[in-house]
N, C-alpha and C. Protein backbone atom coordinates (compact mmCIF):
# COMPACT_ATOMS: atom_id res chain seq x y z
N MET A 1 11.89 -32.94 28.16
CA MET A 1 11.69 -31.68 27.46
C MET A 1 11.84 -31.86 25.96
N LYS A 2 12.78 -32.72 25.54
CA LYS A 2 13.01 -32.91 24.11
C LYS A 2 11.77 -33.48 23.43
N LYS A 3 11.03 -34.32 24.14
CA LYS A 3 9.83 -34.91 23.54
C LYS A 3 8.77 -33.85 23.26
N LEU A 4 8.74 -32.79 24.08
CA LEU A 4 7.77 -31.73 23.89
C LEU A 4 8.23 -30.68 22.88
N PHE A 5 9.55 -30.56 22.70
CA PHE A 5 10.11 -29.48 21.89
C PHE A 5 9.65 -29.57 20.44
N ILE A 6 9.74 -30.75 19.84
CA ILE A 6 9.38 -30.90 18.42
C ILE A 6 7.89 -30.62 18.18
N PRO A 7 6.99 -31.20 18.97
CA PRO A 7 5.58 -30.88 18.77
C PRO A 7 5.27 -29.40 18.92
N LEU A 8 5.95 -28.71 19.86
CA LEU A 8 5.70 -27.29 20.04
C LEU A 8 6.16 -26.50 18.83
N ILE A 9 7.30 -26.88 18.26
CA ILE A 9 7.79 -26.23 17.03
C ILE A 9 6.80 -26.47 15.89
N LEU A 10 6.35 -27.70 15.77
CA LEU A 10 5.38 -28.02 14.72
C LEU A 10 4.10 -27.24 14.89
N LEU A 11 3.64 -27.11 16.15
CA LEU A 11 2.42 -26.36 16.43
C LEU A 11 2.59 -24.90 16.03
N SER A 12 3.76 -24.34 16.31
CA SER A 12 4.03 -22.95 15.94
C SER A 12 4.01 -22.77 14.43
N LEU A 13 4.61 -23.73 13.73
CA LEU A 13 4.64 -23.65 12.27
C LEU A 13 3.24 -23.77 11.68
N ILE A 14 2.44 -24.66 12.25
CA ILE A 14 1.07 -24.84 11.77
C ILE A 14 0.26 -23.58 12.00
N THR A 15 0.41 -22.99 13.21
CA THR A 15 -0.30 -21.76 13.53
C THR A 15 0.08 -20.63 12.58
N PHE A 16 1.41 -20.49 12.35
CA PHE A 16 1.90 -19.45 11.44
C PHE A 16 1.36 -19.68 10.03
N SER A 17 1.37 -20.94 9.61
CA SER A 17 0.87 -21.28 8.28
C SER A 17 -0.61 -20.92 8.13
N ASN A 18 -1.37 -21.17 9.19
CA ASN A 18 -2.81 -20.84 9.15
C ASN A 18 -3.03 -19.34 9.03
N PHE A 19 -2.20 -18.57 9.76
CA PHE A 19 -2.31 -17.11 9.67
C PHE A 19 -2.01 -16.63 8.26
N VAL A 20 -0.95 -17.20 7.65
CA VAL A 20 -0.56 -16.81 6.30
C VAL A 20 -1.67 -17.14 5.31
N MET A 21 -2.23 -18.33 5.45
CA MET A 21 -3.32 -18.74 4.55
C MET A 21 -4.54 -17.84 4.71
N ALA A 22 -4.84 -17.47 5.96
CA ALA A 22 -5.98 -16.60 6.23
C ALA A 22 -5.76 -15.23 5.59
N ASP A 23 -4.53 -14.70 5.72
CA ASP A 23 -4.21 -13.41 5.12
C ASP A 23 -4.31 -13.47 3.60
N GLU A 24 -3.82 -14.56 3.03
CA GLU A 24 -3.87 -14.71 1.58
C GLU A 24 -5.32 -14.79 1.09
N GLN A 25 -6.15 -15.50 1.83
CA GLN A 25 -7.57 -15.61 1.46
C GLN A 25 -8.27 -14.26 1.56
N LEU A 26 -7.94 -13.50 2.60
CA LEU A 26 -8.52 -12.17 2.76
C LEU A 26 -8.07 -11.26 1.63
N ASP A 27 -6.78 -11.28 1.33
CA ASP A 27 -6.25 -10.43 0.25
C ASP A 27 -6.91 -10.77 -1.09
N ALA A 28 -7.08 -12.06 -1.34
CA ALA A 28 -7.70 -12.49 -2.61
C ALA A 28 -9.16 -12.06 -2.65
N GLY A 29 -9.85 -12.18 -1.52
CA GLY A 29 -11.25 -11.77 -1.46
C GLY A 29 -11.41 -10.27 -1.66
N ILE A 30 -10.52 -9.49 -1.06
CA ILE A 30 -10.57 -8.04 -1.22
C ILE A 30 -10.27 -7.65 -2.65
N ALA A 31 -9.25 -8.27 -3.26
CA ALA A 31 -8.91 -7.96 -4.65
C ALA A 31 -10.09 -8.24 -5.57
N ASN A 32 -10.79 -9.32 -5.31
CA ASN A 32 -11.94 -9.67 -6.15
C ASN A 32 -13.06 -8.63 -6.01
N ILE A 33 -13.37 -8.25 -4.78
CA ILE A 33 -14.45 -7.29 -4.57
C ILE A 33 -14.05 -5.91 -5.07
N GLN A 34 -12.77 -5.58 -5.03
CA GLN A 34 -12.31 -4.31 -5.58
C GLN A 34 -12.57 -4.23 -7.08
N HIS A 35 -12.26 -5.32 -7.78
CA HIS A 35 -12.48 -5.33 -9.23
C HIS A 35 -13.98 -5.33 -9.57
N GLU A 36 -14.76 -6.03 -8.77
CA GLU A 36 -16.21 -6.04 -9.00
C GLU A 36 -16.81 -4.66 -8.73
N TRP A 37 -16.26 -3.97 -7.71
CA TRP A 37 -16.72 -2.62 -7.42
C TRP A 37 -16.40 -1.67 -8.57
N ALA A 38 -15.17 -1.75 -9.09
CA ALA A 38 -14.78 -0.89 -10.21
C ALA A 38 -15.66 -1.16 -11.44
N LYS A 39 -15.96 -2.42 -11.66
CA LYS A 39 -16.83 -2.78 -12.78
C LYS A 39 -18.23 -2.22 -12.59
N ALA A 40 -18.77 -2.37 -11.39
CA ALA A 40 -20.13 -1.87 -11.11
C ALA A 40 -20.18 -0.35 -11.19
N ASN A 41 -19.14 0.31 -10.70
CA ASN A 41 -19.14 1.77 -10.59
C ASN A 41 -18.82 2.48 -11.91
N TYR A 42 -17.93 1.88 -12.68
CA TYR A 42 -17.43 2.58 -13.87
C TYR A 42 -17.80 1.95 -15.21
N SER A 43 -18.10 0.65 -15.22
CA SER A 43 -18.35 -0.03 -16.50
C SER A 43 -19.78 -0.49 -16.70
N THR A 44 -20.57 -0.51 -15.63
CA THR A 44 -21.94 -1.01 -15.72
C THR A 44 -22.89 0.14 -16.05
N PRO A 45 -23.77 -0.05 -17.02
CA PRO A 45 -24.76 1.00 -17.34
C PRO A 45 -25.61 1.34 -16.12
N LYS A 46 -26.07 2.58 -16.06
CA LYS A 46 -26.85 3.06 -14.91
C LYS A 46 -27.99 2.11 -14.55
N ALA A 47 -28.67 1.59 -15.57
CA ALA A 47 -29.83 0.72 -15.35
C ALA A 47 -29.46 -0.57 -14.62
N GLY A 48 -28.20 -0.98 -14.73
CA GLY A 48 -27.79 -2.24 -14.11
C GLY A 48 -27.00 -2.07 -12.84
N GLN A 49 -26.74 -0.83 -12.43
CA GLN A 49 -25.89 -0.61 -11.27
C GLN A 49 -26.52 -1.05 -9.95
N GLU A 50 -27.80 -0.83 -9.80
CA GLU A 50 -28.45 -1.20 -8.54
C GLU A 50 -28.30 -2.70 -8.28
N GLU A 51 -28.58 -3.50 -9.28
CA GLU A 51 -28.47 -4.95 -9.13
C GLU A 51 -27.02 -5.37 -8.91
N ALA A 52 -26.09 -4.71 -9.62
CA ALA A 52 -24.67 -5.05 -9.47
C ALA A 52 -24.18 -4.76 -8.06
N PHE A 53 -24.59 -3.63 -7.51
CA PHE A 53 -24.16 -3.29 -6.15
C PHE A 53 -24.88 -4.14 -5.10
N LYS A 54 -26.10 -4.52 -5.38
CA LYS A 54 -26.79 -5.41 -4.45
C LYS A 54 -26.02 -6.73 -4.30
N LYS A 55 -25.58 -7.29 -5.42
CA LYS A 55 -24.78 -8.51 -5.38
C LYS A 55 -23.46 -8.28 -4.65
N LEU A 56 -22.92 -7.08 -4.84
CA LEU A 56 -21.65 -6.76 -4.21
C LEU A 56 -21.79 -6.66 -2.68
N THR A 57 -22.94 -6.17 -2.20
CA THR A 57 -23.15 -6.12 -0.74
C THR A 57 -23.19 -7.53 -0.15
N GLU A 58 -23.78 -8.45 -0.88
CA GLU A 58 -23.83 -9.84 -0.43
C GLU A 58 -22.43 -10.45 -0.41
N GLN A 59 -21.67 -10.15 -1.45
CA GLN A 59 -20.29 -10.64 -1.53
C GLN A 59 -19.45 -10.04 -0.40
N GLY A 60 -19.67 -8.75 -0.13
CA GLY A 60 -18.94 -8.09 0.94
C GLY A 60 -19.25 -8.67 2.30
N HIS A 61 -20.53 -9.00 2.53
CA HIS A 61 -20.93 -9.59 3.82
C HIS A 61 -20.30 -10.97 4.00
N GLN A 62 -20.26 -11.75 2.94
CA GLN A 62 -19.63 -13.07 3.00
C GLN A 62 -18.15 -12.94 3.31
N LEU A 63 -17.51 -11.94 2.71
CA LEU A 63 -16.09 -11.70 2.95
C LEU A 63 -15.84 -11.39 4.43
N SER A 64 -16.69 -10.55 5.01
CA SER A 64 -16.55 -10.21 6.43
C SER A 64 -16.76 -11.43 7.32
N GLU A 65 -17.79 -12.20 7.02
CA GLU A 65 -18.09 -13.38 7.84
C GLU A 65 -16.97 -14.41 7.79
N LYS A 66 -16.42 -14.63 6.60
CA LYS A 66 -15.38 -15.64 6.44
C LYS A 66 -14.06 -15.23 7.06
N ASN A 67 -13.89 -13.94 7.31
CA ASN A 67 -12.61 -13.44 7.82
C ASN A 67 -12.73 -12.81 9.20
N GLY A 68 -13.70 -13.28 9.96
CA GLY A 68 -13.83 -12.84 11.35
C GLY A 68 -14.01 -11.35 11.52
N ASN A 69 -14.74 -10.74 10.56
CA ASN A 69 -14.97 -9.28 10.59
C ASN A 69 -13.66 -8.49 10.66
N ALA A 70 -12.70 -8.93 9.87
CA ALA A 70 -11.44 -8.18 9.75
C ALA A 70 -11.76 -6.77 9.27
N PRO A 71 -11.05 -5.75 9.77
CA PRO A 71 -11.39 -4.38 9.40
C PRO A 71 -11.34 -4.13 7.89
N GLU A 72 -10.40 -4.77 7.20
CA GLU A 72 -10.30 -4.59 5.75
C GLU A 72 -11.56 -5.10 5.05
N ALA A 73 -12.07 -6.23 5.54
CA ALA A 73 -13.30 -6.79 4.96
C ALA A 73 -14.50 -5.90 5.27
N LEU A 74 -14.57 -5.41 6.50
CA LEU A 74 -15.68 -4.52 6.88
C LEU A 74 -15.68 -3.24 6.05
N ILE A 75 -14.48 -2.73 5.76
CA ILE A 75 -14.38 -1.52 4.94
C ILE A 75 -14.98 -1.77 3.56
N TRP A 76 -14.65 -2.90 2.96
CA TRP A 76 -15.17 -3.16 1.62
C TRP A 76 -16.64 -3.54 1.63
N GLU A 77 -17.10 -4.15 2.70
CA GLU A 77 -18.55 -4.38 2.82
C GLU A 77 -19.26 -3.03 2.91
N ALA A 78 -18.66 -2.09 3.64
CA ALA A 78 -19.22 -0.74 3.76
C ALA A 78 -19.23 -0.02 2.42
N ILE A 79 -18.13 -0.11 1.68
CA ILE A 79 -18.05 0.55 0.37
C ILE A 79 -19.10 -0.01 -0.58
N ALA A 80 -19.32 -1.32 -0.50
CA ALA A 80 -20.35 -1.95 -1.33
C ALA A 80 -21.73 -1.41 -0.97
N ASN A 81 -22.00 -1.26 0.32
CA ASN A 81 -23.30 -0.73 0.76
C ASN A 81 -23.47 0.73 0.38
N ALA A 82 -22.40 1.49 0.44
CA ALA A 82 -22.46 2.90 0.03
C ALA A 82 -22.76 3.00 -1.47
N GLY A 83 -22.13 2.13 -2.25
CA GLY A 83 -22.40 2.11 -3.68
C GLY A 83 -23.83 1.71 -3.98
N TYR A 84 -24.35 0.76 -3.22
CA TYR A 84 -25.74 0.33 -3.40
C TYR A 84 -26.69 1.46 -3.05
N ALA A 85 -26.40 2.19 -1.98
CA ALA A 85 -27.23 3.33 -1.59
C ALA A 85 -27.27 4.38 -2.69
N LYS A 86 -26.11 4.67 -3.27
CA LYS A 86 -26.03 5.66 -4.34
C LYS A 86 -26.81 5.21 -5.57
N ALA A 87 -26.66 3.93 -5.93
CA ALA A 87 -27.36 3.42 -7.11
C ALA A 87 -28.86 3.32 -6.89
N LYS A 88 -29.26 2.99 -5.69
CA LYS A 88 -30.68 2.83 -5.37
C LYS A 88 -31.38 4.17 -5.31
N GLY A 89 -30.79 5.13 -4.61
CA GLY A 89 -31.37 6.46 -4.49
C GLY A 89 -32.65 6.48 -3.67
N GLY A 90 -33.12 7.69 -3.36
CA GLY A 90 -34.37 7.85 -2.62
C GLY A 90 -34.23 7.50 -1.15
N LEU A 91 -35.33 7.57 -0.43
CA LEU A 91 -35.32 7.29 1.00
C LEU A 91 -34.96 5.84 1.32
N GLY A 92 -35.27 4.94 0.38
CA GLY A 92 -34.96 3.53 0.58
C GLY A 92 -33.47 3.26 0.64
N ALA A 93 -32.67 4.23 0.15
CA ALA A 93 -31.22 4.06 0.15
C ALA A 93 -30.60 4.36 1.50
N LEU A 94 -31.32 5.09 2.33
CA LEU A 94 -30.73 5.59 3.58
C LEU A 94 -30.25 4.46 4.49
N LYS A 95 -31.01 3.37 4.58
CA LYS A 95 -30.60 2.31 5.50
C LYS A 95 -29.29 1.65 5.07
N TYR A 96 -29.00 1.68 3.76
CA TYR A 96 -27.74 1.11 3.29
C TYR A 96 -26.58 2.07 3.55
N ALA A 97 -26.86 3.36 3.48
CA ALA A 97 -25.85 4.34 3.85
C ALA A 97 -25.55 4.23 5.35
N GLU A 98 -26.59 4.04 6.16
CA GLU A 98 -26.41 3.88 7.60
C GLU A 98 -25.62 2.61 7.92
N LYS A 99 -25.91 1.55 7.17
CA LYS A 99 -25.17 0.30 7.37
C LYS A 99 -23.70 0.49 7.03
N ALA A 100 -23.44 1.20 5.93
CA ALA A 100 -22.06 1.48 5.55
C ALA A 100 -21.34 2.25 6.65
N ARG A 101 -22.00 3.27 7.19
CA ARG A 101 -21.42 4.05 8.29
C ARG A 101 -21.10 3.17 9.49
N ASP A 102 -22.05 2.32 9.88
CA ASP A 102 -21.87 1.47 11.07
C ASP A 102 -20.74 0.46 10.87
N LEU A 103 -20.61 -0.08 9.66
CA LEU A 103 -19.53 -1.01 9.37
C LEU A 103 -18.17 -0.32 9.46
N LEU A 104 -18.10 0.90 8.98
CA LEU A 104 -16.86 1.66 9.04
C LEU A 104 -16.47 1.99 10.48
N LEU A 105 -17.46 2.35 11.28
CA LEU A 105 -17.19 2.65 12.69
C LEU A 105 -16.75 1.39 13.44
N ALA A 106 -17.29 0.24 13.05
CA ALA A 106 -16.86 -1.03 13.65
C ALA A 106 -15.42 -1.34 13.26
N ALA A 107 -15.08 -1.09 11.99
CA ALA A 107 -13.70 -1.33 11.53
C ALA A 107 -12.73 -0.40 12.24
N GLU A 108 -13.15 0.84 12.48
CA GLU A 108 -12.30 1.82 13.15
C GLU A 108 -11.89 1.34 14.54
N LYS A 109 -12.79 0.66 15.23
CA LYS A 109 -12.50 0.19 16.59
C LYS A 109 -11.37 -0.84 16.61
N THR A 110 -11.24 -1.58 15.52
CA THR A 110 -10.21 -2.61 15.43
C THR A 110 -8.89 -2.05 14.90
N ASP A 111 -8.96 -1.29 13.82
CA ASP A 111 -7.74 -0.73 13.21
C ASP A 111 -8.08 0.54 12.45
N PRO A 112 -7.96 1.70 13.07
CA PRO A 112 -8.32 2.96 12.43
C PRO A 112 -7.50 3.29 11.19
N ASN A 113 -6.31 2.71 11.08
CA ASN A 113 -5.43 3.00 9.94
C ASN A 113 -5.53 1.96 8.82
N ALA A 114 -6.47 1.04 8.93
CA ALA A 114 -6.59 -0.02 7.92
C ALA A 114 -6.77 0.55 6.52
N LEU A 115 -6.11 -0.10 5.56
CA LEU A 115 -6.19 0.29 4.14
C LEU A 115 -5.91 1.78 3.95
N GLN A 116 -4.86 2.24 4.61
CA GLN A 116 -4.35 3.61 4.45
C GLN A 116 -5.42 4.69 4.68
N GLY A 117 -6.17 4.51 5.74
CA GLY A 117 -7.14 5.54 6.10
C GLY A 117 -8.44 5.50 5.32
N SER A 118 -8.71 4.38 4.66
CA SER A 118 -9.94 4.27 3.86
C SER A 118 -11.20 4.44 4.70
N ILE A 119 -11.11 4.11 5.99
CA ILE A 119 -12.26 4.29 6.88
C ILE A 119 -12.69 5.74 6.87
N TYR A 120 -11.73 6.65 7.00
CA TYR A 120 -12.06 8.07 7.11
C TYR A 120 -12.43 8.69 5.76
N THR A 121 -11.81 8.20 4.70
CA THR A 121 -12.22 8.66 3.36
C THR A 121 -13.68 8.31 3.12
N SER A 122 -14.04 7.07 3.45
CA SER A 122 -15.41 6.60 3.20
C SER A 122 -16.41 7.27 4.13
N LEU A 123 -16.05 7.43 5.41
CA LEU A 123 -16.94 8.12 6.34
C LEU A 123 -17.15 9.57 5.90
N GLY A 124 -16.07 10.23 5.49
CA GLY A 124 -16.18 11.61 5.04
C GLY A 124 -17.11 11.75 3.85
N SER A 125 -16.96 10.85 2.88
CA SER A 125 -17.82 10.93 1.69
C SER A 125 -19.28 10.67 2.04
N LEU A 126 -19.52 9.76 2.97
CA LEU A 126 -20.90 9.49 3.40
C LEU A 126 -21.51 10.72 4.07
N TYR A 127 -20.74 11.33 4.97
CA TYR A 127 -21.29 12.44 5.75
C TYR A 127 -21.59 13.69 4.91
N TYR A 128 -20.93 13.85 3.76
CA TYR A 128 -21.29 15.02 2.96
C TYR A 128 -22.26 14.69 1.82
N LYS A 129 -22.41 13.41 1.51
CA LYS A 129 -23.34 13.04 0.44
C LYS A 129 -24.74 12.69 0.96
N VAL A 130 -24.82 12.17 2.17
CA VAL A 130 -26.11 11.81 2.76
C VAL A 130 -26.80 13.09 3.25
N PRO A 131 -28.12 13.21 3.03
CA PRO A 131 -28.84 14.39 3.54
C PRO A 131 -28.71 14.52 5.05
N GLY A 132 -28.78 15.74 5.53
CA GLY A 132 -28.70 15.99 6.97
C GLY A 132 -30.03 15.79 7.67
N TRP A 133 -30.02 16.10 8.97
CA TRP A 133 -31.24 15.99 9.78
C TRP A 133 -32.32 16.91 9.21
N PRO A 134 -33.60 16.50 9.18
CA PRO A 134 -34.19 15.32 9.84
C PRO A 134 -34.29 14.08 8.95
N ILE A 135 -33.76 14.17 7.73
CA ILE A 135 -33.87 13.03 6.80
C ILE A 135 -32.80 11.99 7.08
N GLY A 136 -31.55 12.44 7.14
CA GLY A 136 -30.45 11.50 7.28
C GLY A 136 -29.43 11.97 8.31
N PHE A 137 -28.25 11.33 8.28
CA PHE A 137 -27.21 11.63 9.27
C PHE A 137 -26.13 12.55 8.71
N GLY A 138 -26.33 13.07 7.52
CA GLY A 138 -25.32 13.93 6.90
C GLY A 138 -24.89 15.08 7.79
N ASP A 139 -23.60 15.42 7.74
CA ASP A 139 -23.07 16.46 8.60
C ASP A 139 -21.79 16.98 7.95
N LYS A 140 -21.80 18.22 7.44
CA LYS A 140 -20.66 18.77 6.72
C LYS A 140 -19.42 18.92 7.61
N LYS A 141 -19.62 19.27 8.88
CA LYS A 141 -18.48 19.43 9.78
C LYS A 141 -17.79 18.09 10.01
N LYS A 142 -18.58 17.05 10.23
CA LYS A 142 -17.99 15.72 10.40
C LYS A 142 -17.32 15.26 9.13
N ALA A 143 -17.94 15.55 8.00
CA ALA A 143 -17.36 15.17 6.71
C ALA A 143 -15.98 15.78 6.55
N LYS A 144 -15.86 17.06 6.82
CA LYS A 144 -14.58 17.77 6.70
C LYS A 144 -13.53 17.17 7.63
N ALA A 145 -13.93 16.90 8.87
CA ALA A 145 -12.99 16.33 9.84
C ALA A 145 -12.50 14.95 9.41
N TYR A 146 -13.41 14.11 8.93
CA TYR A 146 -13.03 12.77 8.49
C TYR A 146 -12.13 12.82 7.26
N LEU A 147 -12.46 13.66 6.30
CA LEU A 147 -11.67 13.74 5.07
C LEU A 147 -10.27 14.28 5.36
N GLU A 148 -10.17 15.24 6.26
CA GLU A 148 -8.86 15.78 6.61
C GLU A 148 -8.03 14.74 7.38
N LYS A 149 -8.71 13.92 8.17
CA LYS A 149 -8.01 12.84 8.86
C LYS A 149 -7.49 11.80 7.87
N ALA A 150 -8.29 11.52 6.85
CA ALA A 150 -7.86 10.58 5.80
C ALA A 150 -6.62 11.11 5.09
N LEU A 151 -6.58 12.41 4.84
CA LEU A 151 -5.43 13.02 4.18
C LEU A 151 -4.19 13.01 5.06
N GLN A 152 -4.37 13.09 6.36
CA GLN A 152 -3.23 12.99 7.28
C GLN A 152 -2.59 11.62 7.19
N ILE A 153 -3.42 10.58 7.05
CA ILE A 153 -2.92 9.21 6.98
C ILE A 153 -2.34 8.91 5.61
N ASN A 154 -2.99 9.39 4.57
CA ASN A 154 -2.59 9.08 3.19
C ASN A 154 -2.61 10.36 2.35
N PRO A 155 -1.64 11.26 2.56
CA PRO A 155 -1.68 12.58 1.93
C PRO A 155 -1.58 12.58 0.41
N ASP A 156 -0.99 11.53 -0.17
CA ASP A 156 -0.82 11.50 -1.62
C ASP A 156 -1.79 10.56 -2.33
N GLY A 157 -2.69 9.94 -1.58
CA GLY A 157 -3.61 8.97 -2.16
C GLY A 157 -4.64 9.59 -3.09
N ILE A 158 -5.03 8.84 -4.09
CA ILE A 158 -5.99 9.36 -5.07
C ILE A 158 -7.37 9.57 -4.46
N ASP A 159 -7.83 8.63 -3.64
CA ASP A 159 -9.19 8.72 -3.11
C ASP A 159 -9.37 9.86 -2.09
N PRO A 160 -8.50 9.97 -1.07
CA PRO A 160 -8.72 11.08 -0.12
C PRO A 160 -8.61 12.44 -0.79
N ASN A 161 -7.71 12.60 -1.75
CA ASN A 161 -7.58 13.88 -2.44
C ASN A 161 -8.79 14.16 -3.33
N TYR A 162 -9.27 13.12 -4.02
CA TYR A 162 -10.45 13.33 -4.87
C TYR A 162 -11.68 13.70 -4.04
N PHE A 163 -11.94 12.96 -2.99
CA PHE A 163 -13.16 13.23 -2.21
C PHE A 163 -13.09 14.56 -1.47
N TYR A 164 -11.89 14.94 -1.03
CA TYR A 164 -11.78 16.25 -0.39
C TYR A 164 -12.01 17.35 -1.42
N ALA A 165 -11.47 17.17 -2.62
CA ALA A 165 -11.70 18.14 -3.69
C ALA A 165 -13.18 18.23 -4.04
N ASP A 166 -13.85 17.09 -4.11
CA ASP A 166 -15.28 17.07 -4.44
C ASP A 166 -16.09 17.76 -3.35
N PHE A 167 -15.72 17.51 -2.10
CA PHE A 167 -16.36 18.15 -0.95
C PHE A 167 -16.20 19.67 -1.03
N LEU A 168 -14.98 20.12 -1.28
CA LEU A 168 -14.71 21.56 -1.38
C LEU A 168 -15.48 22.19 -2.55
N SER A 169 -15.55 21.47 -3.64
CA SER A 169 -16.25 21.98 -4.81
C SER A 169 -17.74 22.15 -4.52
N GLU A 170 -18.31 21.19 -3.81
CA GLU A 170 -19.73 21.28 -3.43
C GLU A 170 -19.98 22.49 -2.53
N ARG A 171 -18.98 22.88 -1.76
CA ARG A 171 -19.09 24.04 -0.87
C ARG A 171 -18.77 25.36 -1.57
N GLY A 172 -18.42 25.27 -2.84
CA GLY A 172 -18.10 26.47 -3.60
C GLY A 172 -16.66 26.95 -3.42
N GLU A 173 -15.83 26.15 -2.78
CA GLU A 173 -14.42 26.52 -2.58
C GLU A 173 -13.60 25.99 -3.76
N TYR A 174 -13.85 26.55 -4.93
CA TYR A 174 -13.31 26.00 -6.17
C TYR A 174 -11.79 26.12 -6.29
N GLU A 175 -11.24 27.24 -5.85
CA GLU A 175 -9.80 27.43 -5.96
C GLU A 175 -9.04 26.39 -5.14
N LYS A 176 -9.52 26.15 -3.93
CA LYS A 176 -8.90 25.14 -3.07
C LYS A 176 -9.15 23.74 -3.62
N ALA A 177 -10.35 23.53 -4.16
CA ALA A 177 -10.70 22.22 -4.73
C ALA A 177 -9.75 21.85 -5.87
N ILE A 178 -9.39 22.83 -6.68
CA ILE A 178 -8.51 22.58 -7.83
C ILE A 178 -7.20 21.94 -7.37
N ARG A 179 -6.65 22.43 -6.28
CA ARG A 179 -5.37 21.89 -5.78
C ARG A 179 -5.49 20.41 -5.46
N TYR A 180 -6.61 20.04 -4.87
CA TYR A 180 -6.77 18.64 -4.48
C TYR A 180 -7.15 17.75 -5.66
N TYR A 181 -7.89 18.29 -6.63
CA TYR A 181 -8.13 17.52 -7.86
C TYR A 181 -6.80 17.24 -8.55
N GLU A 182 -5.94 18.23 -8.59
CA GLU A 182 -4.63 18.06 -9.24
C GLU A 182 -3.78 17.05 -8.48
N LYS A 183 -3.87 17.05 -7.15
CA LYS A 183 -3.15 16.05 -6.36
C LYS A 183 -3.69 14.65 -6.62
N ALA A 184 -5.00 14.54 -6.78
CA ALA A 184 -5.60 13.24 -7.10
C ALA A 184 -5.09 12.73 -8.44
N LEU A 185 -5.00 13.62 -9.42
CA LEU A 185 -4.53 13.24 -10.75
C LEU A 185 -3.05 12.87 -10.75
N ALA A 186 -2.30 13.44 -9.81
CA ALA A 186 -0.86 13.15 -9.73
C ALA A 186 -0.55 12.00 -8.77
N ALA A 187 -1.58 11.39 -8.19
CA ALA A 187 -1.38 10.33 -7.20
C ALA A 187 -0.66 9.13 -7.82
N PRO A 188 0.18 8.45 -7.05
CA PRO A 188 0.87 7.26 -7.56
C PRO A 188 -0.12 6.14 -7.89
N ALA A 189 0.22 5.39 -8.91
CA ALA A 189 -0.64 4.26 -9.32
C ALA A 189 -0.70 3.21 -8.22
N ARG A 190 -1.84 2.56 -8.11
CA ARG A 190 -2.01 1.49 -7.13
C ARG A 190 -1.95 0.15 -7.85
N PRO A 191 -0.90 -0.63 -7.62
CA PRO A 191 -0.78 -1.93 -8.30
C PRO A 191 -2.03 -2.79 -8.08
N GLY A 192 -2.57 -3.31 -9.16
CA GLY A 192 -3.76 -4.14 -9.08
C GLY A 192 -5.06 -3.37 -9.05
N ARG A 193 -4.98 -2.04 -8.99
CA ARG A 193 -6.18 -1.21 -8.93
C ARG A 193 -6.29 -0.31 -10.17
N GLU A 194 -5.73 -0.77 -11.27
CA GLU A 194 -5.70 0.05 -12.49
C GLU A 194 -7.10 0.44 -12.95
N ASP A 195 -8.05 -0.47 -12.83
CA ASP A 195 -9.42 -0.17 -13.27
C ASP A 195 -10.04 0.93 -12.41
N ALA A 196 -9.83 0.86 -11.11
CA ALA A 196 -10.36 1.90 -10.21
C ALA A 196 -9.63 3.22 -10.42
N ASP A 197 -8.31 3.17 -10.62
CA ASP A 197 -7.54 4.40 -10.84
C ASP A 197 -8.00 5.12 -12.10
N THR A 198 -8.24 4.36 -13.15
CA THR A 198 -8.69 4.96 -14.41
C THR A 198 -10.02 5.68 -14.23
N GLY A 199 -10.94 5.02 -13.57
CA GLY A 199 -12.25 5.62 -13.34
C GLY A 199 -12.19 6.83 -12.44
N ARG A 200 -11.39 6.74 -11.36
CA ARG A 200 -11.29 7.86 -10.42
C ARG A 200 -10.61 9.06 -11.08
N LYS A 201 -9.61 8.83 -11.89
CA LYS A 201 -8.93 9.94 -12.55
C LYS A 201 -9.86 10.64 -13.55
N ALA A 202 -10.72 9.86 -14.18
CA ALA A 202 -11.71 10.47 -15.08
C ALA A 202 -12.65 11.37 -14.29
N GLU A 203 -13.04 10.93 -13.09
CA GLU A 203 -13.90 11.75 -12.23
C GLU A 203 -13.15 13.01 -11.78
N ALA A 204 -11.88 12.85 -11.45
CA ALA A 204 -11.09 14.00 -11.01
C ALA A 204 -10.90 15.01 -12.14
N GLU A 205 -10.69 14.52 -13.35
CA GLU A 205 -10.54 15.42 -14.50
C GLU A 205 -11.82 16.21 -14.75
N GLU A 206 -12.95 15.53 -14.62
CA GLU A 206 -14.23 16.21 -14.80
C GLU A 206 -14.47 17.24 -13.69
N GLY A 207 -14.16 16.86 -12.46
CA GLY A 207 -14.31 17.79 -11.35
C GLY A 207 -13.40 19.00 -11.50
N LEU A 208 -12.18 18.76 -11.94
CA LEU A 208 -11.21 19.86 -12.15
C LEU A 208 -11.71 20.81 -13.22
N LYS A 209 -12.25 20.27 -14.29
CA LYS A 209 -12.78 21.08 -15.38
C LYS A 209 -13.91 21.97 -14.88
N ILE A 210 -14.82 21.40 -14.10
CA ILE A 210 -15.95 22.18 -13.57
C ILE A 210 -15.46 23.25 -12.59
N ALA A 211 -14.54 22.88 -11.70
CA ALA A 211 -14.04 23.85 -10.71
C ALA A 211 -13.36 25.02 -11.41
N LYS A 212 -12.59 24.76 -12.44
CA LYS A 212 -11.90 25.83 -13.17
C LYS A 212 -12.90 26.75 -13.88
N SER A 213 -14.00 26.15 -14.34
CA SER A 213 -15.00 26.95 -15.06
C SER A 213 -15.76 27.92 -14.13
N LYS A 214 -15.67 27.64 -12.81
CA LYS A 214 -16.39 28.46 -11.84
C LYS A 214 -15.58 29.68 -11.38
N LEU A 215 -14.29 29.72 -11.73
CA LEU A 215 -13.45 30.84 -11.30
C LEU A 215 -13.56 32.02 -12.24
């Protein structure tokens, strides 16, 4: 038994080490794509956004492939595709919105709570921004349900509060939207996401200003 004991311990250590390395690689890949997304979304001129997001979709797909379709990677591949759809516009954008939706639903099957409910924040935003039938899959009821689920998981997060506020504002529920814009602006900072936080808060401030002007 003693002859087997040491190799088994070594095997356990090697396996654990591989898991740690895989997690570190995934975290580094996600951090990189997060910064590239913030750059494409907030710092790139409109004329260059389509190309920037196209590259980001390729980067997102590579991240998913290298990490065994980990839910966190699938979420960011989906976010990249949603950004590409928005930048591209028109009917040609719909297939990228559909791809984003399908990636999010695949991630949900593995870990519905991954990245603090980002699956539901992203699904909710897709369902209220994409046109409804017969053009697209947009559905306001589903959007509301997904966004409220995201808020249940991450009630103080900047993204779920911002998107729910934006959704309410689009529906003309300005008084209620104001509360959620204010919650988005008061959201705790996300370490390493300063560039995204700055851009999102600017969007929330603009949305709050518009909602207040409607009362």
